Protein backbone atom coordinates (compact mmCIF):
# COMPACT_ATOMS: atom_id res chain seq x y z
CA UNK A 1 -31.18 -76.94 -113.53
CA UNK A 2 -30.79 -73.17 -113.33
CA UNK A 3 -33.25 -72.79 -116.21
CA UNK A 4 -35.90 -74.48 -114.08
CA UNK A 5 -35.55 -72.09 -111.16
CA UNK A 6 -38.28 -69.50 -111.43
CA UNK A 7 -39.00 -66.39 -109.38
CA UNK A 8 -38.12 -68.03 -106.05
CA UNK A 9 -34.51 -68.59 -107.10
CA UNK A 10 -34.19 -65.14 -108.61
CA UNK A 11 -35.81 -63.49 -105.61
CA UNK A 12 -33.53 -65.41 -103.25
CA UNK A 13 -30.46 -64.38 -105.24
CA UNK A 14 -31.61 -60.77 -105.40
CA UNK A 15 -32.29 -60.78 -101.67
CA UNK A 16 -28.92 -62.27 -100.80
CA UNK A 17 -27.12 -59.89 -103.17
CA UNK A 18 -28.64 -56.84 -101.54
CA UNK A 19 -28.44 -58.09 -97.97
CA UNK A 20 -24.90 -59.47 -98.27
CA UNK A 21 -23.28 -56.66 -100.20
CA UNK A 22 -21.40 -55.56 -97.07
CA UNK A 23 -19.85 -58.28 -96.23
CA UNK A 24 -1.49 -77.08 -107.11
CA UNK A 25 -0.59 -78.79 -109.05
CA UNK A 26 -0.17 -82.43 -107.85
CA UNK A 27 3.48 -83.54 -108.25
CA UNK A 28 4.18 -86.44 -110.61
CA UNK A 29 5.10 -89.78 -109.06
CA UNK A 30 8.63 -90.97 -109.72
CA UNK A 31 9.67 -94.53 -109.02
CA UNK A 32 13.16 -95.80 -108.31
CA UNK A 33 13.76 -98.97 -110.30
CA UNK A 34 14.11 -101.37 -107.35
CA UNK A 35 12.70 -99.28 -104.51
CA UNK A 36 9.12 -99.08 -103.20
CA UNK A 37 7.58 -95.70 -104.18
CA UNK A 38 7.12 -93.13 -101.43
CA UNK A 39 3.73 -91.49 -101.03
CA UNK A 40 3.92 -87.85 -102.03
CA UNK A 41 2.04 -84.99 -100.44
CA UNK A 42 -0.17 -84.54 -103.51
CA UNK A 43 -1.07 -88.24 -103.46
CA UNK A 44 -2.18 -88.05 -99.85
CA UNK A 45 -4.29 -84.98 -100.60
CA UNK A 46 -6.01 -86.73 -103.52
CA UNK A 47 -6.52 -89.86 -101.46
CA UNK A 48 -8.18 -87.79 -98.72
CA UNK A 49 -10.47 -86.07 -101.23
CA UNK A 50 -11.43 -89.40 -102.81
CA UNK A 51 -12.24 -91.02 -99.46
CA UNK A 52 -14.29 -87.99 -98.39
CA UNK A 53 -16.32 -88.01 -101.64
CA UNK A 54 -16.77 -91.79 -101.40
CA UNK A 55 -18.06 -91.44 -97.84
CA UNK A 56 -20.55 -88.73 -98.84
CA UNK A 57 -21.75 -90.79 -101.81
CA UNK A 58 -22.29 -93.91 -99.72
CA UNK A 59 -24.12 -91.90 -97.06
CA UNK A 60 -26.43 -90.39 -99.70
CA UNK A 61 -27.15 -93.80 -101.26
CA UNK A 62 -27.85 -95.19 -97.79
CA UNK A 63 -30.60 -92.60 -97.28
CA UNK A 64 -32.07 -93.16 -100.76
CA UNK A 65 -32.23 -96.92 -100.14
CA UNK A 66 -34.56 -96.32 -97.19
CA UNK A 67 -36.70 -93.31 -98.16
CA UNK A 68 -39.61 -93.59 -100.60
CA UNK A 69 -39.58 -91.20 -103.56
CA UNK A 70 -42.65 -90.89 -105.80
CA UNK A 71 -41.80 -89.69 -109.30
CA UNK A 72 -44.75 -87.34 -109.69
CA UNK A 73 -43.69 -83.69 -110.15
CA UNK A 74 -47.34 -82.58 -110.39
CA UNK A 75 -48.23 -83.92 -106.93
CA UNK A 76 -47.40 -81.35 -104.20
CA UNK A 77 -47.18 -84.15 -101.60
CA UNK A 78 -44.62 -86.04 -103.73
CA UNK A 79 -42.59 -82.86 -104.19
CA UNK A 80 -42.71 -82.14 -100.46
CA UNK A 81 -41.55 -85.69 -99.68
CA UNK A 82 -38.71 -85.37 -102.17
CA UNK A 83 -37.64 -82.09 -100.52
CA UNK A 84 -37.54 -83.87 -97.14
CA UNK A 85 -35.54 -86.81 -98.51
CA UNK A 86 -32.97 -84.55 -100.16
CA UNK A 87 -32.70 -82.45 -97.01
CA UNK A 88 -31.94 -85.63 -95.06
CA UNK A 89 -29.32 -86.55 -97.66
CA UNK A 90 -27.67 -83.13 -97.35
CA UNK A 91 -27.70 -83.18 -93.57
CA UNK A 92 -26.27 -86.70 -93.23
CA UNK A 93 -23.74 -86.36 -96.05
CA UNK A 94 -22.84 -82.77 -95.09
CA UNK A 95 -23.72 -81.26 -98.49
CA UNK A 96 -24.74 -77.71 -99.45
CA UNK A 97 -28.30 -76.72 -100.29
CA UNK A 98 -28.70 -74.51 -103.38
CA UNK A 99 -29.01 -71.35 -101.27
CA UNK A 100 -25.91 -72.34 -99.27
CA UNK A 101 -24.06 -72.94 -102.53
CA UNK A 102 -24.96 -69.44 -103.71
CA UNK A 103 -23.85 -67.98 -100.38
CA UNK A 104 -20.57 -69.96 -100.45
CA UNK A 105 -19.84 -68.91 -104.05
CA UNK A 106 -20.40 -65.24 -103.20
CA UNK A 107 -18.12 -65.47 -100.17
CA UNK A 108 -15.41 -67.36 -102.07
CA UNK A 109 -15.44 -65.15 -105.17
CA UNK A 110 -15.49 -61.84 -103.31
CA UNK A 111 -13.06 -62.60 -100.46
CA UNK A 112 -10.13 -60.65 -101.95
CA UNK A 113 -12.11 -57.82 -103.55
CA UNK A 114 -11.29 -54.48 -101.97
CA UNK A 115 -13.61 -52.01 -103.71
CA UNK A 116 -17.40 -51.97 -103.69
CA UNK A 117 -17.78 -51.63 -107.47
CA UNK A 118 -15.77 -54.78 -108.25
CA UNK A 119 -17.75 -56.59 -105.56
CA UNK A 120 -21.08 -55.74 -107.20
CA UNK A 121 -19.74 -56.68 -110.63
CA UNK A 122 -18.62 -60.05 -109.20
CA UNK A 123 -22.17 -60.62 -107.91
CA UNK A 124 -23.50 -59.93 -111.39
CA UNK A 125 -21.03 -62.37 -112.93
CA UNK A 126 -22.05 -65.10 -110.44
CA UNK A 127 -25.72 -64.53 -111.25
CA UNK A 128 -25.15 -64.74 -115.01
CA UNK A 129 -23.07 -67.90 -114.74
CA UNK A 130 -25.80 -69.57 -112.67
CA UNK A 131 -28.37 -68.70 -115.35
CA UNK A 132 -30.45 -66.45 -113.07
CA UNK A 133 -32.20 -63.29 -114.23
CA UNK A 134 -32.50 -60.10 -112.19
CA UNK A 135 -36.28 -59.66 -112.38
CA UNK A 136 -36.28 -57.36 -109.38
CA UNK A 137 -33.82 -54.96 -110.99
CA UNK A 138 -31.73 -55.04 -107.81
CA UNK A 139 -28.36 -54.80 -109.57
CA UNK A 140 -29.15 -51.55 -111.37
CA UNK A 141 -30.48 -50.06 -108.14
CA UNK A 142 -27.36 -51.10 -106.22
CA UNK A 143 -25.10 -49.59 -108.88
CA UNK A 144 -27.09 -46.34 -108.77
CA UNK A 145 -26.73 -46.32 -104.99
CA UNK A 146 -22.97 -46.83 -105.31
CA UNK A 147 -22.72 -43.99 -107.84
CA UNK A 148 -24.58 -41.72 -105.42
CA UNK A 149 -22.27 -42.59 -102.49
CA UNK A 150 -19.06 -42.26 -104.55
CA UNK A 151 -20.22 -38.89 -105.82
CA UNK A 152 -20.80 -37.82 -102.22
CA UNK A 153 -17.42 -39.03 -100.90
CA UNK A 154 -15.65 -37.91 -104.13
CA UNK A 155 -13.63 -41.12 -104.57
CA UNK A 156 -14.08 -44.86 -105.28
CA UNK A 157 -15.68 -46.64 -102.34
CA UNK A 158 -13.45 -49.22 -100.66
CA UNK A 159 -14.99 -52.03 -98.59
CA UNK A 160 -12.82 -51.13 -95.57
CA UNK A 161 -14.14 -47.55 -95.61
CA UNK A 162 -16.52 -47.80 -92.65
CA UNK A 163 -18.16 -44.40 -93.12
CA UNK A 164 -18.59 -44.88 -96.86
CA UNK A 165 -19.96 -48.41 -96.44
CA UNK A 166 -22.38 -47.14 -93.81
CA UNK A 167 -23.74 -44.66 -96.37
CA UNK A 168 -24.06 -47.46 -98.94
CA UNK A 169 -25.83 -49.65 -96.39
CA UNK A 170 -28.38 -46.90 -95.83
CA UNK A 171 -29.01 -46.76 -99.58
CA UNK A 172 -29.33 -50.56 -99.75
CA UNK A 173 -31.83 -50.50 -96.90
CA UNK A 174 -33.96 -48.10 -98.96
CA UNK A 175 -33.73 -50.54 -101.90
CA UNK A 176 -34.78 -53.43 -99.64
CA UNK A 177 -37.80 -51.43 -98.54
CA UNK A 178 -38.71 -50.52 -102.10
CA UNK A 179 -38.46 -54.15 -103.28
CA UNK A 180 -40.25 -55.49 -100.21
CA UNK A 181 -37.24 -57.57 -99.17
CA UNK A 182 -36.89 -58.35 -95.49
CA UNK A 183 -34.08 -60.38 -93.95
CA UNK A 184 -36.67 -62.34 -91.97
CA UNK A 185 -38.19 -63.56 -95.25
CA UNK A 186 -35.01 -65.24 -96.52
CA UNK A 187 -35.90 -68.67 -95.02
CA UNK A 188 -39.20 -68.50 -96.90
CA UNK A 189 -37.41 -67.76 -100.19
CA UNK A 190 -34.99 -70.62 -99.49
CA UNK A 191 -37.87 -73.02 -98.86
CA UNK A 192 -39.57 -71.97 -102.12
CA UNK A 193 -36.29 -72.43 -103.97
CA UNK A 194 -35.83 -75.97 -102.65
CA UNK A 195 -39.35 -76.86 -103.79
CA UNK A 196 -38.66 -75.48 -107.27
CA UNK A 197 -35.47 -77.53 -107.47
CA UNK A 198 -37.23 -80.66 -106.18
CA UNK A 199 -39.97 -80.34 -108.79
CA UNK A 200 -37.42 -79.78 -111.57
CA UNK A 201 -35.44 -82.84 -110.50
CA UNK A 202 -38.57 -85.00 -110.35
CA UNK A 203 -39.48 -83.80 -113.85
CA UNK A 204 -36.01 -84.86 -115.03
CA UNK A 205 -36.37 -88.27 -113.34
CA UNK A 206 -39.76 -88.75 -114.97
CA UNK A 207 -38.38 -87.79 -118.40
CA UNK A 208 -35.45 -90.21 -118.03
CA UNK A 209 -37.72 -93.04 -116.86
CA UNK A 210 -40.15 -92.56 -119.76
CA UNK A 211 -37.31 -92.48 -122.29
CA UNK A 212 -35.83 -95.68 -120.83
CA UNK A 213 -39.20 -97.47 -120.99
CA UNK A 214 -39.81 -96.31 -124.56
CA UNK A 215 -36.40 -97.67 -125.57
CA UNK A 216 -37.14 -101.00 -123.87
CA UNK A 217 -40.58 -101.22 -125.47
CA UNK A 218 -38.97 -101.21 -128.92
CA UNK A 219 -37.20 -104.48 -128.13
CA UNK A 220 -39.02 -107.51 -129.52
CA UNK A 221 -39.24 -109.40 -126.23
CA UNK A 222 -41.13 -106.50 -124.61
CA UNK A 223 -43.56 -105.74 -127.45
CA UNK A 224 -46.53 -107.32 -125.71
CA UNK A 225 -45.76 -105.95 -122.24
CA UNK A 226 -47.49 -102.89 -120.84
CA UNK A 227 -45.13 -100.31 -119.43
CA UNK A 228 -45.79 -99.33 -115.78
CA UNK A 229 -46.91 -95.90 -114.63
CA UNK A 230 -43.82 -93.87 -113.67
CA UNK A 231 -45.46 -93.02 -110.33
CA UNK A 232 -45.45 -96.74 -109.40
CA UNK A 233 -41.68 -97.10 -109.79
CA UNK A 234 -39.73 -97.48 -106.56
CA UNK A 235 -36.19 -96.16 -106.85
CA UNK A 236 -35.16 -98.20 -103.81
CA UNK A 237 -35.50 -101.38 -105.85
CA UNK A 238 -33.02 -100.07 -108.42
CA UNK A 239 -30.16 -99.04 -106.16
């Protein structure tokens, strides 16, 4: 999916990177020969995870059984409707949006990082693993800013160094200005990203549906049947 995310995704990631840069094994079960097995802590944890995932899945399916989805990635209205349906799914099933996932990953991966340089390198690693490109050139600018600050303070910049981080923040604010990134615009980037994802997912649905119909058409009993237009398919009838 990352390959389908165009400038909106990259701009959102670049924006979040710049604006946020301040910031068990389960035991084996053993059974006594004639005794009932006791539930272990690991088992209870797995059971809880399973029930939580099952609940989210059933909630999502419940929404999809009611909401109409038109498989037409070229129709802006169909894409908009799909965005609304998936937003409802996320809200009711308590799931992350793509932008929230990026934010969560950044927070999780950088929680224990103490120096600013390792933090920025972690952001780069996250971006590369998600298949996003830095079209804005934000990473190079941030590294240049860090070099400038470390040269000024004559030591590596630590994230708990308030004065040093304040200097870096000033440099990042200049980068934001240069790139035309404003914190107030982040919701707009997020909205554009969700539309890009929705369109990409509808394109994938359309591709899968066409492949399935082509496969069915090759069967002798369907040779004389005309395949329906993908746009006429109603997913609700197939759940």
